[in-house]
Each structure stands twice: as C-alpha cells, then as structure tokens.
Amino acid sequence: MTDSSLLTKEPMSKRETKRQMLIDIGTVIFTQKGFSITSLDEIVATAEIPKGSFYYYFKGKEDFAIEVIKNYGQYFSRKLGRILEDKNRGPLKRLEMFTNEAANGVTRFDFKRGCLIGNLGQEMASLEEEFRITLLQVISDWRIRIEVCIDEAKVLGEIETKVSSENLSKFFWSAWEGAVLCSKLERSSQPLNIVSDLFINELLQPVRLKK
C-alpha cells in the first residue's frame, strides 16, 4: 500500500540521495557483520565512492552508525505498523502474523541477517551513551506497538492473561531478540517458532484455546 503522504514530498537532492544510499548500505552490512568488524573501506567500496567523500555526509563512523540505527528503527516501525494496525484482522491474529513474517524474513536471508538493533545492542550499548540511548529509543517504540496490540486483544476478549501489557511486551522483545540470535547460531527458525508459540498460546492465554 502506497503512503499518500510521500507523494507530496519534494524529491531528495543528489546529496540526500547519496547519503541515504550510504545509510542503506550500512544497514545491510551492520545487520550481517556488526559495527566493530565493519570498516569504512568496505562501506565506501560498496557505495563506490572515495573514502574522503564519506566525511562530506557524516562526521565519522560513530555518527554514521547512529543514523543507521535510526534508519533501521524507522523501517521496522513501519513494518510493525503495517501489520499490527491492520484493522481487517483481530489483534491476536496480527501478533501471529508479525511473528510469522519476521521469522520468514530471518529464514529468507539464510540466517545471516538478524535484527540490527539486537546485534548492535550487544555490541555498542557499552561504548557510547548516545548509542545506548538511540538503541533504547528504537526498542521502546517497538515495545509500545506490541503493548497497544495486546491491550486491544484484552479489550476485545481475545485473551485472558492478567499480566500487564507493558510487561508482556518487554518480555516478548527480550525473548524474541534472544531467539533471533539463536536462530542465526543454529541456522534454524525453531527458536523463533518456540518463542512465538509460547508467547501467543501460553502467556497471552487465548480464549479460542478453551473452545
């Protein structure tokens, strides 16, 4: 579905286009390899620009990483919004669809890509305070989106859990990020499927299970 608001925006300048291309390249590479092991040489080689040109767009690698984190956060928030805010389906079904689609995404890339936020959270949160804060802002947005969907499922009587939606959402993301890591290590979607099944069918206590 096309976002009609995009149709009213002015086209990006050449500088903005090149800058966004670098961010997109960094998003892919950091998701696969992480921050520390990725060199600027690799990034500029992939972008096919001189190394000196990189500093025309970013102050340095750390500044670049912050923009990559924000870019990935916005991308994944749009994905969450598309699935979790789809009023054509019930909230419990939306949660199931999200976990299924996310698991399929990990499988599609042959378990070589995980979640950039989870990867960099382990690697970068202890490096600079700005990294920690930026990563936390992203994951907090994701938590709220899941929390809202769980609240809606409670209101509609789809689930019977008495656990707060906030705590359930926090638990989900902690378990899910761990499962993404295990899926990469095991080269299997089983860890993701286990978290999805236990979270939705046990912790949320769907009413349909009692029918």
Protein backbone atom coordinates (compact mmCIF):
# COMPACT_ATOMS: atom_id res chain seq x y z
CA MET A 1 0.00 0.00 0.00
CA THR A 2 1.41 3.37 -1.00
CA ASP A 3 1.76 6.05 1.67
CA SER A 4 -0.04 9.00 0.09
CA SER A 5 1.93 11.44 2.26
CA LEU A 6 5.04 10.52 0.33
CA LEU A 7 3.50 11.82 -2.87
CA THR A 8 3.55 15.40 -1.60
CA LYS A 9 7.21 15.43 -0.60
CA GLU A 10 9.82 17.06 -2.77
CA PRO A 11 12.35 14.74 -4.40
CA MET A 12 15.56 14.26 -2.46
CA SER A 13 18.59 16.20 -3.62
CA LYS A 14 21.57 14.33 -5.01
CA ARG A 15 23.35 14.79 -1.68
CA GLU A 16 20.38 13.41 0.26
CA THR A 17 20.05 10.51 -2.17
CA LYS A 18 23.73 9.58 -1.83
CA ARG A 19 23.59 9.98 1.95
CA GLN A 20 20.55 7.70 2.16
CA MET A 21 22.26 5.16 -0.09
CA LEU A 22 25.19 5.03 2.34
CA ILE A 23 22.81 4.58 5.27
CA ASP A 24 21.01 1.75 3.47
CA ILE A 25 24.33 0.06 2.71
CA GLY A 26 25.40 0.43 6.32
CA THR A 27 22.11 -1.03 7.49
CA VAL A 28 22.66 -4.19 5.46
CA ILE A 29 26.34 -4.60 6.39
CA PHE A 30 25.89 -3.84 10.11
CA THR A 31 22.96 -6.26 10.27
CA GLN A 32 25.15 -9.02 8.87
CA LYS A 33 28.53 -8.24 10.43
CA GLY A 34 28.09 -5.74 13.23
CA PHE A 35 29.72 -2.38 13.86
CA SER A 36 33.27 -3.06 15.05
CA ILE A 37 34.28 -5.53 12.36
CA THR A 38 32.92 -3.37 9.53
CA SER A 39 35.46 -0.93 8.12
CA LEU A 40 34.79 2.34 6.37
CA ASP A 41 36.78 0.92 3.45
CA GLU A 42 34.13 -1.76 2.99
CA ILE A 43 31.28 0.73 3.19
CA VAL A 44 32.71 3.19 0.66
CA ALA A 45 33.80 0.35 -1.64
CA THR A 46 30.24 -0.98 -1.67
CA ALA A 47 28.92 2.53 -2.29
CA GLU A 48 31.59 3.10 -4.96
CA ILE A 49 32.66 6.47 -3.60
CA PRO A 50 36.09 7.77 -2.49
CA LYS A 51 36.76 7.37 1.21
CA GLY A 52 37.20 11.11 1.61
CA SER A 53 33.69 11.67 0.30
CA PHE A 54 32.24 9.77 3.25
CA TYR A 55 33.08 12.70 5.52
CA TYR A 56 31.02 15.00 3.34
CA TYR A 57 27.94 13.14 4.54
CA PHE A 58 28.93 12.06 8.08
CA LYS A 59 31.30 13.28 10.79
CA GLY A 60 32.68 9.77 11.26
CA LYS A 61 31.81 6.11 11.68
CA GLU A 62 30.05 6.67 15.03
CA ASP A 63 27.82 9.41 13.61
CA PHE A 64 27.10 7.14 10.65
CA ALA A 65 26.14 4.28 12.98
CA ILE A 66 23.63 6.48 14.81
CA GLU A 67 21.92 7.29 11.51
CA VAL A 68 21.92 3.61 10.53
CA ILE A 69 20.23 2.70 13.84
CA LYS A 70 17.57 5.37 13.33
CA ASN A 71 17.04 4.25 9.74
CA TYR A 72 16.53 0.62 10.73
CA GLY A 73 14.26 1.65 13.60
CA GLN A 74 12.04 3.65 11.25
CA TYR A 75 11.97 0.84 8.69
CA PHE A 76 10.95 -1.77 11.26
CA SER A 77 8.42 0.56 12.90
CA ARG A 78 6.70 0.92 9.53
CA LYS A 79 6.64 -2.86 9.24
CA LEU A 80 5.14 -3.20 12.71
CA GLY A 81 2.59 -0.52 11.92
CA ARG A 82 1.55 -2.20 8.69
CA ILE A 83 0.86 -5.48 10.46
CA LEU A 84 -0.20 -4.53 13.99
CA GLU A 85 -2.51 -1.68 12.94
CA ASP A 86 -4.37 -3.68 10.28
CA LYS A 87 -7.98 -3.40 11.49
CA ASN A 88 -9.12 -6.04 8.99
CA ARG A 89 -7.81 -8.66 11.44
CA GLY A 90 -8.11 -9.17 15.16
CA PRO A 91 -5.17 -8.11 17.35
CA LEU A 92 -4.19 -11.67 18.26
CA LYS A 93 -4.06 -12.61 14.59
CA ARG A 94 -1.93 -9.54 13.91
CA LEU A 95 0.59 -10.62 16.54
CA GLU A 96 0.74 -14.08 14.96
CA MET A 97 1.23 -12.56 11.52
CA PHE A 98 4.06 -10.38 12.74
CA THR A 99 6.00 -13.25 14.32
CA ASN A 100 5.44 -15.40 11.22
CA GLU A 101 6.59 -12.67 8.85
CA ALA A 102 9.61 -11.80 10.99
CA ALA A 103 10.63 -15.46 11.22
CA ASN A 104 10.25 -15.85 7.46
CA GLY A 105 12.49 -12.82 6.98
CA VAL A 106 15.30 -14.39 9.01
CA THR A 107 14.91 -17.63 7.05
CA ARG A 108 14.82 -15.82 3.69
CA PHE A 109 18.31 -14.43 4.27
CA ASP A 110 19.65 -17.88 5.17
CA PHE A 111 20.01 -16.90 8.87
CA LYS A 112 22.83 -14.49 8.02
CA ARG A 113 20.86 -11.38 8.97
CA GLY A 114 19.35 -10.94 12.36
CA CYS A 115 17.96 -7.83 14.00
CA LEU A 116 20.29 -4.87 13.70
CA ILE A 117 19.05 -3.42 16.99
CA GLY A 118 19.65 -6.68 18.83
CA ASN A 119 23.07 -7.10 17.25
CA LEU A 120 24.25 -3.58 17.93
CA GLY A 121 22.63 -3.52 21.35
CA GLN A 122 25.00 -6.24 22.49
CA GLU A 123 27.98 -4.68 20.78
CA MET A 124 27.56 -0.93 21.17
CA ALA A 125 25.46 -0.14 24.24
CA SER A 126 28.58 -0.11 26.42
CA LEU A 127 30.65 2.00 24.01
CA GLU A 128 28.98 5.41 23.96
CA GLU A 129 25.98 6.75 25.87
CA GLU A 130 24.49 8.11 22.66
CA PHE A 131 24.45 4.61 21.18
CA ARG A 132 22.66 3.22 24.23
CA ILE A 133 20.05 5.97 24.23
CA THR A 134 19.38 5.70 20.49
CA LEU A 135 19.03 1.92 20.65
CA LEU A 136 16.72 2.19 23.66
CA GLN A 137 14.52 4.73 21.90
CA VAL A 138 14.06 2.32 19.00
CA ILE A 139 13.22 -0.70 21.13
CA SER A 140 10.90 1.40 23.31
CA ASP A 141 8.87 2.33 20.23
CA TRP A 142 8.62 -1.33 19.26
CA ARG A 143 7.53 -2.27 22.79
CA ILE A 144 4.74 0.30 22.74
CA ARG A 145 3.40 -1.05 19.44
CA ILE A 146 3.18 -4.59 20.79
CA GLU A 147 1.74 -3.31 24.08
CA VAL A 148 -1.06 -1.46 22.27
CA CYS A 149 -1.95 -4.58 20.29
CA ILE A 150 -2.07 -6.70 23.47
CA ASP A 151 -4.28 -4.09 25.15
CA GLU A 152 -6.66 -4.26 22.23
CA ALA A 153 -6.79 -8.06 22.43
CA LYS A 154 -7.71 -7.77 26.12
CA VAL A 155 -10.49 -5.25 25.44
CA LEU A 156 -11.95 -7.46 22.72
CA GLY A 157 -11.83 -10.51 24.99
CA GLU A 158 -9.44 -12.45 22.76
CA ILE A 159 -7.03 -13.20 25.60
CA GLU A 160 -7.38 -13.76 29.35
CA THR A 161 -3.91 -13.05 30.70
CA LYS A 162 -3.73 -10.89 33.82
CA VAL A 163 -0.12 -9.85 33.22
CA SER A 164 0.27 -6.17 32.32
CA SER A 165 0.55 -5.47 28.61
CA GLU A 166 3.68 -3.41 29.24
CA ASN A 167 5.48 -6.29 30.95
CA LEU A 168 4.30 -8.76 28.32
CA SER A 169 5.67 -6.55 25.56
CA LYS A 170 9.01 -6.13 27.31
CA PHE A 171 9.20 -9.89 27.85
CA PHE A 172 8.34 -10.57 24.22
CA TRP A 173 11.12 -8.40 22.83
CA SER A 174 13.69 -9.79 25.25
CA ALA A 175 12.74 -13.34 24.28
CA TRP A 176 12.44 -12.54 20.58
CA GLU A 177 15.84 -10.87 20.27
CA GLY A 178 17.40 -13.86 22.02
CA ALA A 179 15.59 -16.20 19.66
CA VAL A 180 16.88 -14.28 16.63
CA LEU A 181 20.44 -14.78 17.88
CA CYS A 182 19.83 -18.50 18.49
CA SER A 183 18.29 -18.88 15.03
CA LYS A 184 21.45 -17.46 13.48
CA LEU A 185 23.64 -19.79 15.54
CA GLU A 186 21.51 -22.88 14.88
CA ARG A 187 20.58 -21.89 11.32
CA SER A 188 17.02 -22.82 12.16
CA SER A 189 13.73 -20.99 12.65
CA GLN A 190 12.86 -23.26 15.57
CA PRO A 191 13.91 -20.78 18.32
CA LEU A 192 11.64 -18.13 16.79
CA ASN A 193 8.77 -20.56 16.43
CA ILE A 194 9.12 -21.63 20.07
CA VAL A 195 9.01 -18.04 21.36
CA SER A 196 6.06 -17.22 19.14
CA ASP A 197 4.10 -20.30 20.20
CA LEU A 198 4.74 -19.96 23.93
CA PHE A 199 4.11 -16.22 23.98
CA ILE A 200 0.88 -16.27 21.99
CA ASN A 201 -0.61 -19.60 23.05
CA GLU A 202 0.54 -19.76 26.67
CA LEU A 203 1.39 -16.34 28.08
CA LEU A 204 -1.44 -14.44 26.38
CA GLN A 205 -3.94 -17.24 27.18
CA PRO A 206 -6.12 -17.01 24.05
CA VAL A 207 -9.81 -17.66 24.67
CA ARG A 208 -10.00 -19.77 21.50
CA LEU A 209 -7.92 -22.49 23.17
CA LYS A 210 -10.77 -23.22 25.53
CA LYS A 211 -13.36 -23.69 22.84
